[in-house]
Amino acid sequence: MSTSRLRSSACAPCCRSESTTLAAQHCCYDEHMKLITRGKGAGAHNLISIEFSPELHYKVDVLPWILCKGDWSHFHSVCPPNNGLQCTENPQEDIYMNELEEAREY
């Protein structure tokens, strides 16, 4: 499985696994190249990889994000970011709580 680099305004470098299988993973890293494990910059899993089916990927992975209307906390409550390697929580608690408050006031 290879990765492709993406850019996001919420985080420094991002990458998405490229796969011809059903699923893929989207990961984002901060300016110090530490995995963003929570908050607005955290990546998410893709149940349907874009390489497998762009149409299904949009319906299953993108549309739910759009329907959350910018409140990433609602999206993450249903589809939490993957931290399977037990990386240190990033961002720190105070920054995370500020992001969470902003998201809920959006």
N, C-alpha and C. Protein backbone atom coordinates (compact mmCIF):
# COMPACT_ATOMS: atom_id res chain seq x y z
N MET A 1 0.85 -1.18 0.00
CA MET A 1 0.00 0.00 0.00
C MET A 1 0.89 1.23 0.00
N SER A 2 0.64 2.17 -0.85
CA SER A 2 1.41 3.41 -0.90
C SER A 2 0.58 4.54 -0.31
N THR A 3 1.20 5.71 -0.19
CA THR A 3 0.48 6.86 0.34
C THR A 3 0.61 8.02 -0.61
N SER A 4 -0.37 8.90 -0.59
CA SER A 4 -0.29 10.13 -1.37
C SER A 4 -0.37 11.29 -0.39
N ARG A 5 0.38 12.35 -0.67
CA ARG A 5 0.42 13.50 0.21
C ARG A 5 -0.70 14.46 -0.17
N LEU A 6 -1.37 14.96 0.84
CA LEU A 6 -2.45 15.91 0.67
C LEU A 6 -2.13 17.14 1.49
N ARG A 7 -2.81 18.20 1.28
CA ARG A 7 -2.68 19.41 2.10
C ARG A 7 -4.03 19.77 2.67
N SER A 8 -4.03 20.24 3.89
CA SER A 8 -5.25 20.66 4.56
C SER A 8 -4.96 21.94 5.33
N SER A 9 -5.93 22.83 5.43
CA SER A 9 -5.72 24.06 6.17
C SER A 9 -5.66 23.79 7.67
N ALA A 10 -6.20 22.69 8.13
CA ALA A 10 -6.23 22.38 9.56
C ALA A 10 -4.95 21.70 10.04
N CYS A 11 -4.11 21.24 9.14
CA CYS A 11 -2.91 20.55 9.56
C CYS A 11 -1.81 20.72 8.53
N ALA A 12 -0.60 20.40 8.94
CA ALA A 12 0.55 20.49 8.04
C ALA A 12 0.41 19.38 6.99
N PRO A 13 1.36 18.48 6.88
CA PRO A 13 1.21 17.46 5.85
C PRO A 13 0.15 16.41 6.20
N CYS A 14 -0.53 15.95 5.19
CA CYS A 14 -1.49 14.86 5.33
C CYS A 14 -1.16 13.81 4.29
N CYS A 15 -1.52 12.58 4.58
CA CYS A 15 -1.36 11.54 3.58
C CYS A 15 -2.55 10.61 3.67
N ARG A 16 -2.87 10.03 2.55
CA ARG A 16 -3.97 9.09 2.45
C ARG A 16 -3.41 7.83 1.83
N SER A 17 -3.68 6.71 2.46
CA SER A 17 -3.21 5.46 1.88
C SER A 17 -3.92 5.25 0.55
N GLU A 18 -3.19 4.75 -0.41
CA GLU A 18 -3.76 4.42 -1.71
C GLU A 18 -3.94 2.92 -1.75
N SER A 19 -5.12 2.49 -2.10
CA SER A 19 -5.42 1.08 -2.03
C SER A 19 -6.45 0.71 -3.07
N THR A 20 -6.32 -0.47 -3.61
CA THR A 20 -7.35 -0.98 -4.50
C THR A 20 -8.32 -1.86 -3.71
N THR A 21 -8.08 -1.97 -2.40
CA THR A 21 -9.02 -2.68 -1.54
C THR A 21 -10.13 -1.71 -1.15
N LEU A 22 -11.03 -2.18 -0.35
CA LEU A 22 -12.21 -1.39 -0.01
C LEU A 22 -11.89 -0.16 0.82
N ALA A 23 -11.04 -0.27 1.83
CA ALA A 23 -10.82 0.82 2.79
C ALA A 23 -9.49 1.52 2.60
N ALA A 24 -9.37 2.71 3.21
CA ALA A 24 -8.14 3.48 3.18
C ALA A 24 -8.06 4.28 4.48
N GLN A 25 -6.93 4.93 4.72
CA GLN A 25 -6.72 5.71 5.95
C GLN A 25 -6.18 7.08 5.58
N HIS A 26 -6.67 8.11 6.25
CA HIS A 26 -6.23 9.49 6.04
C HIS A 26 -5.60 9.96 7.34
N CYS A 27 -4.31 10.32 7.31
CA CYS A 27 -3.57 10.74 8.51
C CYS A 27 -3.04 12.15 8.31
N CYS A 28 -3.01 12.93 9.38
CA CYS A 28 -2.46 14.28 9.33
C CYS A 28 -1.43 14.46 10.43
N TYR A 29 -0.45 15.30 10.15
CA TYR A 29 0.67 15.53 11.06
C TYR A 29 0.83 17.02 11.31
N ASP A 30 1.30 17.37 12.51
CA ASP A 30 1.50 18.78 12.83
C ASP A 30 2.82 19.28 12.26
N GLU A 31 3.17 20.52 12.57
CA GLU A 31 4.39 21.13 12.02
C GLU A 31 5.67 20.45 12.51
N HIS A 32 5.56 19.61 13.56
CA HIS A 32 6.71 18.87 14.08
C HIS A 32 6.67 17.40 13.61
N MET A 33 5.79 17.12 12.65
CA MET A 33 5.62 15.79 12.07
C MET A 33 5.15 14.75 13.10
N LYS A 34 4.38 15.21 14.08
CA LYS A 34 3.75 14.31 15.05
C LYS A 34 2.30 14.09 14.59
N LEU A 35 1.85 12.84 14.68
CA LEU A 35 0.50 12.50 14.28
C LEU A 35 -0.52 13.30 15.08
N ILE A 36 -1.48 13.91 14.39
CA ILE A 36 -2.58 14.61 15.06
C ILE A 36 -3.61 13.53 15.38
N THR A 37 -3.80 13.27 16.66
CA THR A 37 -4.63 12.15 17.09
C THR A 37 -6.05 12.55 17.45
N ARG A 38 -6.31 13.85 17.59
CA ARG A 38 -7.64 14.31 17.97
C ARG A 38 -7.80 15.76 17.55
N GLY A 39 -9.04 16.23 17.56
CA GLY A 39 -9.29 17.62 17.21
C GLY A 39 -9.54 17.81 15.73
N LYS A 40 -9.60 19.08 15.35
CA LYS A 40 -10.01 19.41 13.97
C LYS A 40 -9.03 18.97 12.91
N GLY A 41 -7.78 18.75 13.26
CA GLY A 41 -6.79 18.36 12.26
C GLY A 41 -6.59 16.86 12.12
N ALA A 42 -7.27 16.07 12.96
CA ALA A 42 -7.08 14.62 12.92
C ALA A 42 -7.65 14.03 11.64
N GLY A 43 -6.99 13.04 11.14
CA GLY A 43 -7.47 12.34 9.95
C GLY A 43 -8.59 11.39 10.30
N ALA A 44 -9.07 10.70 9.31
CA ALA A 44 -10.17 9.76 9.51
C ALA A 44 -9.99 8.57 8.58
N HIS A 45 -10.66 7.49 8.92
CA HIS A 45 -10.64 6.34 8.03
C HIS A 45 -11.57 6.60 6.85
N ASN A 46 -11.29 5.96 5.78
CA ASN A 46 -12.18 5.97 4.62
C ASN A 46 -12.70 4.54 4.47
N LEU A 47 -13.98 4.36 4.67
CA LEU A 47 -14.55 3.02 4.52
C LEU A 47 -14.45 2.53 3.09
N ILE A 48 -14.54 3.46 2.14
CA ILE A 48 -14.41 3.14 0.72
C ILE A 48 -13.28 4.00 0.15
N SER A 49 -12.22 3.37 -0.32
CA SER A 49 -11.12 4.15 -0.88
C SER A 49 -11.57 4.80 -2.19
N ILE A 50 -11.00 5.96 -2.46
CA ILE A 50 -11.36 6.69 -3.69
C ILE A 50 -10.92 5.90 -4.92
N GLU A 51 -9.85 5.12 -4.78
CA GLU A 51 -9.39 4.30 -5.91
C GLU A 51 -10.36 3.16 -6.21
N PHE A 52 -11.02 2.65 -5.17
CA PHE A 52 -11.98 1.56 -5.35
C PHE A 52 -13.25 2.06 -6.04
N SER A 53 -13.80 3.18 -5.53
CA SER A 53 -15.02 3.75 -6.13
C SER A 53 -15.18 5.20 -5.69
N PRO A 54 -14.89 6.15 -6.57
CA PRO A 54 -15.07 7.56 -6.21
C PRO A 54 -16.50 7.90 -5.80
N GLU A 55 -17.48 7.30 -6.45
CA GLU A 55 -18.87 7.60 -6.13
C GLU A 55 -19.26 7.10 -4.74
N LEU A 56 -18.91 5.85 -4.45
CA LEU A 56 -19.21 5.30 -3.13
C LEU A 56 -18.42 6.01 -2.04
N HIS A 57 -17.16 6.36 -2.33
CA HIS A 57 -16.35 7.09 -1.36
C HIS A 57 -17.04 8.41 -0.99
N TYR A 58 -17.56 9.11 -1.97
CA TYR A 58 -18.25 10.37 -1.70
C TYR A 58 -19.47 10.14 -0.82
N LYS A 59 -20.28 9.14 -1.17
CA LYS A 59 -21.52 8.89 -0.42
C LYS A 59 -21.27 8.40 1.00
N VAL A 60 -20.27 7.54 1.17
CA VAL A 60 -20.05 6.91 2.47
C VAL A 60 -19.10 7.71 3.37
N ASP A 61 -18.07 8.33 2.79
CA ASP A 61 -17.03 8.99 3.59
C ASP A 61 -17.11 10.52 3.58
N VAL A 62 -17.42 11.11 2.46
CA VAL A 62 -17.40 12.57 2.34
C VAL A 62 -18.74 13.18 2.76
N LEU A 63 -19.82 12.64 2.28
CA LEU A 63 -21.13 13.21 2.57
C LEU A 63 -21.44 13.30 4.07
N PRO A 64 -21.14 12.27 4.88
CA PRO A 64 -21.40 12.42 6.33
C PRO A 64 -20.64 13.60 6.94
N TRP A 65 -19.41 13.84 6.47
CA TRP A 65 -18.62 14.98 6.95
C TRP A 65 -19.32 16.29 6.58
N ILE A 66 -19.80 16.38 5.36
CA ILE A 66 -20.50 17.58 4.91
C ILE A 66 -21.77 17.80 5.74
N LEU A 67 -22.49 16.73 6.01
CA LEU A 67 -23.74 16.83 6.77
C LEU A 67 -23.51 17.28 8.22
N CYS A 68 -22.30 17.10 8.73
CA CYS A 68 -21.98 17.58 10.09
C CYS A 68 -21.79 19.09 10.12
N LYS A 69 -21.79 19.73 8.96
CA LYS A 69 -21.75 21.19 8.83
C LYS A 69 -20.58 21.83 9.57
N GLY A 70 -19.41 21.23 9.45
CA GLY A 70 -18.21 21.83 10.04
C GLY A 70 -17.95 21.45 11.47
N ASP A 71 -18.86 20.72 12.13
CA ASP A 71 -18.63 20.30 13.51
C ASP A 71 -17.92 18.95 13.51
N TRP A 72 -16.57 19.00 13.46
CA TRP A 72 -15.78 17.77 13.42
C TRP A 72 -16.02 16.91 14.66
N SER A 73 -16.39 17.54 15.80
CA SER A 73 -16.59 16.76 17.03
C SER A 73 -17.76 15.79 16.88
N HIS A 74 -18.79 16.19 16.16
CA HIS A 74 -19.93 15.30 15.91
C HIS A 74 -19.49 14.15 15.01
N PHE A 75 -18.75 14.45 13.96
CA PHE A 75 -18.25 13.42 13.05
C PHE A 75 -17.35 12.44 13.80
N HIS A 76 -16.42 12.97 14.63
CA HIS A 76 -15.49 12.11 15.35
C HIS A 76 -16.18 11.28 16.43
N SER A 77 -17.33 11.72 16.91
CA SER A 77 -18.05 10.91 17.90
C SER A 77 -18.57 9.62 17.27
N VAL A 78 -18.83 9.67 15.98
CA VAL A 78 -19.31 8.50 15.25
C VAL A 78 -18.16 7.75 14.57
N CYS A 79 -17.21 8.51 14.03
CA CYS A 79 -16.05 7.94 13.34
C CYS A 79 -14.77 8.49 13.96
N PRO A 80 -14.35 7.96 15.11
CA PRO A 80 -13.18 8.52 15.79
C PRO A 80 -11.89 8.30 14.99
N PRO A 81 -10.94 9.24 15.12
CA PRO A 81 -9.65 9.06 14.45
C PRO A 81 -8.96 7.79 14.97
N ASN A 82 -8.21 7.15 14.11
CA ASN A 82 -7.51 5.92 14.46
C ASN A 82 -6.17 6.25 15.10
N ASN A 83 -5.98 5.82 16.33
CA ASN A 83 -4.69 5.95 17.00
C ASN A 83 -4.25 4.57 17.47
N GLY A 84 -4.28 3.64 16.55
CA GLY A 84 -3.97 2.25 16.86
C GLY A 84 -2.56 2.02 17.36
N LEU A 85 -1.64 2.92 17.04
CA LEU A 85 -0.26 2.78 17.51
C LEU A 85 -0.02 3.46 18.85
N GLN A 86 -1.11 3.97 19.46
CA GLN A 86 -1.04 4.59 20.77
C GLN A 86 -0.07 5.79 20.81
N CYS A 87 -0.12 6.63 19.79
CA CYS A 87 0.71 7.83 19.76
C CYS A 87 0.26 8.79 20.86
N THR A 88 1.15 9.64 21.30
CA THR A 88 0.84 10.64 22.31
C THR A 88 -0.30 11.52 21.81
N GLU A 89 -1.23 11.85 22.72
CA GLU A 89 -2.35 12.70 22.33
C GLU A 89 -1.83 14.02 21.80
N ASN A 90 -2.34 14.41 20.66
CA ASN A 90 -1.91 15.62 19.98
C ASN A 90 -3.12 16.19 19.25
N PRO A 91 -3.51 17.45 19.50
CA PRO A 91 -2.83 18.48 20.27
C PRO A 91 -3.01 18.30 21.79
N GLN A 92 -2.29 19.15 22.52
CA GLN A 92 -2.37 19.12 23.98
C GLN A 92 -3.79 19.43 24.43
N GLU A 93 -4.10 19.08 25.67
CA GLU A 93 -5.47 19.18 26.20
C GLU A 93 -6.07 20.58 26.07
N ASP A 94 -5.32 21.62 26.41
CA ASP A 94 -5.88 22.99 26.36
C ASP A 94 -6.24 23.38 24.93
N ILE A 95 -5.41 23.04 23.98
CA ILE A 95 -5.69 23.36 22.57
C ILE A 95 -6.89 22.54 22.09
N TYR A 96 -6.90 21.27 22.44
CA TYR A 96 -8.02 20.40 22.06
C TYR A 96 -9.34 20.93 22.61
N MET A 97 -9.36 21.33 23.87
CA MET A 97 -10.60 21.84 24.48
C MET A 97 -11.06 23.13 23.81
N ASN A 98 -10.11 23.99 23.42
CA ASN A 98 -10.47 25.22 22.68
C ASN A 98 -11.08 24.87 21.32
N GLU A 99 -10.48 23.91 20.62
CA GLU A 99 -11.02 23.48 19.33
C GLU A 99 -12.41 22.89 19.49
N LEU A 100 -12.60 22.11 20.56
CA LEU A 100 -13.89 21.49 20.80
C LEU A 100 -14.96 22.54 21.08
N GLU A 101 -14.62 23.54 21.87
CA GLU A 101 -15.57 24.62 22.16
C GLU A 101 -15.92 25.40 20.90
N GLU A 102 -14.92 25.69 20.07
CA GLU A 102 -15.17 26.39 18.80
C GLU A 102 -16.08 25.58 17.89
N ALA A 103 -15.85 24.28 17.83
CA ALA A 103 -16.66 23.42 16.96
C ALA A 103 -18.12 23.40 17.39
N ARG A 104 -18.35 23.37 18.67
CA ARG A 104 -19.72 23.28 19.18
C ARG A 104 -20.44 24.62 19.10
N GLU A 105 -19.69 25.72 19.00
CA GLU A 105 -20.30 27.04 18.86
C GLU A 105 -20.46 27.44 17.40
N TYR A 106 -19.99 26.61 16.49
CA TYR A 106 -20.00 26.93 15.06
C TYR A 106 -21.40 27.14 14.55
